[in-house]
Protein backbone atom coordinates (compact mmCIF):
# COMPACT_ATOMS: atom_id res chain seq x y z
CA MET A 1 9.85 4.22 -19.16
CA ASP A 2 7.85 1.37 -20.59
CA LEU A 3 8.20 1.48 -24.38
CA ASP A 4 4.47 0.73 -24.75
CA PHE A 5 3.57 3.93 -22.91
CA LYS A 6 4.51 7.53 -23.63
CA TYR A 7 4.67 8.50 -19.94
CA PRO A 8 6.63 7.31 -16.91
CA ARG A 9 4.93 4.47 -15.05
CA ALA A 10 5.01 4.18 -11.27
CA THR A 11 6.08 1.07 -9.44
CA SER A 12 3.52 -0.65 -7.23
CA GLU A 13 5.39 0.64 -4.20
CA LYS A 14 5.21 4.28 -5.37
CA ALA A 15 1.55 3.92 -6.28
CA LEU A 16 0.73 2.57 -2.80
CA LEU A 17 2.66 5.40 -1.14
CA ASP A 18 0.91 8.02 -3.28
CA TRP A 19 -2.43 6.53 -2.21
CA ILE A 20 -1.37 6.52 1.46
CA TYR A 21 -0.23 10.14 1.12
CA LEU A 22 -3.49 11.25 -0.50
CA GLY A 23 -5.60 9.30 2.00
CA ALA A 24 -3.77 10.95 4.90
CA SER A 25 -4.16 14.44 3.41
CA ARG A 26 -7.21 16.60 3.81
CA THR A 27 -8.78 15.36 0.61
CA LYS A 28 -11.89 13.22 0.33
CA ILE A 29 -9.81 10.34 -1.03
CA ALA A 30 -9.94 7.26 1.17
CA GLY A 31 -6.70 5.49 1.98
CA PRO A 32 -5.81 2.22 0.29
CA PRO A 33 -7.67 -0.95 1.25
CA PHE A 34 -6.01 -3.60 3.40
CA ASP A 35 -6.84 -6.49 1.08
CA ILE A 36 -3.81 -6.05 -1.17
CA ASP A 37 -1.11 -8.67 -1.78
CA ALA A 38 1.67 -6.84 0.07
CA GLY A 39 3.95 -9.85 -0.33
CA ARG A 40 4.55 -8.79 -3.92
CA LEU A 41 5.92 -5.39 -2.87
CA ASN A 42 9.64 -4.70 -2.58
CA LYS A 43 9.95 -3.79 1.10
CA ALA A 44 13.32 -2.04 0.70
CA ARG A 45 11.96 0.13 -2.14
CA LEU A 46 8.79 0.85 -0.15
CA GLU A 47 10.78 2.04 2.86
CA ARG A 48 13.25 4.04 0.74
CA LEU A 49 10.46 5.83 -1.11
CA ALA A 50 8.49 6.47 2.10
CA LYS A 51 11.58 8.09 3.61
CA ALA A 52 12.12 10.21 0.48
CA MET A 53 8.47 11.29 0.63
CA SER A 54 8.65 11.90 4.41
CA ILE A 55 5.70 9.60 5.05
CA GLU A 56 7.32 6.90 7.16
CA THR A 57 4.70 7.36 9.92
CA PRO A 58 1.63 7.07 7.63
CA LEU A 59 3.22 4.01 5.99
CA GLY A 60 3.81 2.46 9.41
CA MET A 61 0.21 3.16 10.39
CA TYR A 62 -1.06 1.59 7.17
CA LEU A 63 1.14 -1.49 7.58
CA GLU A 64 0.04 -1.92 11.22
CA GLY A 65 -3.60 -1.68 10.14
CA LYS A 66 -2.95 -4.19 7.38
CA ARG A 67 -1.27 -6.57 9.81
CA LYS A 68 -4.29 -6.41 12.13
CA TYR A 69 -6.62 -6.90 9.17
CA ASP A 70 -4.66 -9.92 7.94
CA GLU A 71 -4.71 -11.48 11.43
CA ASP A 72 -8.44 -10.93 11.97
CA PRO A 73 -10.11 -14.37 12.30
CA GLU A 74 -13.08 -13.24 10.21
CA VAL A 75 -10.79 -12.15 7.37
CA GLU A 76 -8.88 -15.43 7.56
CA ALA A 77 -12.15 -17.42 7.50
CA ASN A 78 -13.43 -15.41 4.54
CA ASP A 79 -10.13 -15.87 2.67
CA SER A 80 -10.22 -19.63 3.19
CA LEU A 81 -13.51 -19.72 1.27
CA ASN A 82 -11.62 -18.52 -1.82
CA ALA A 83 -8.88 -21.17 -1.64
């Protein structure tokens, strides 16, 4: 609990996994975008939570899509404009 809030707050890893879960379900919610700073996530926590939520496969699919996105030459060129 964060003392400034009266409700439990999720970690970034849990929030991403919730978004992946909802995006993979039969809702109209789109999955998370690939342009996140994944380097700030705790990989061990992400994997542990994905296992606890039984969404290792959707997480793997998201991370593979993100890897491809990050390696896309057009994305790299666009990102270099912001540097």
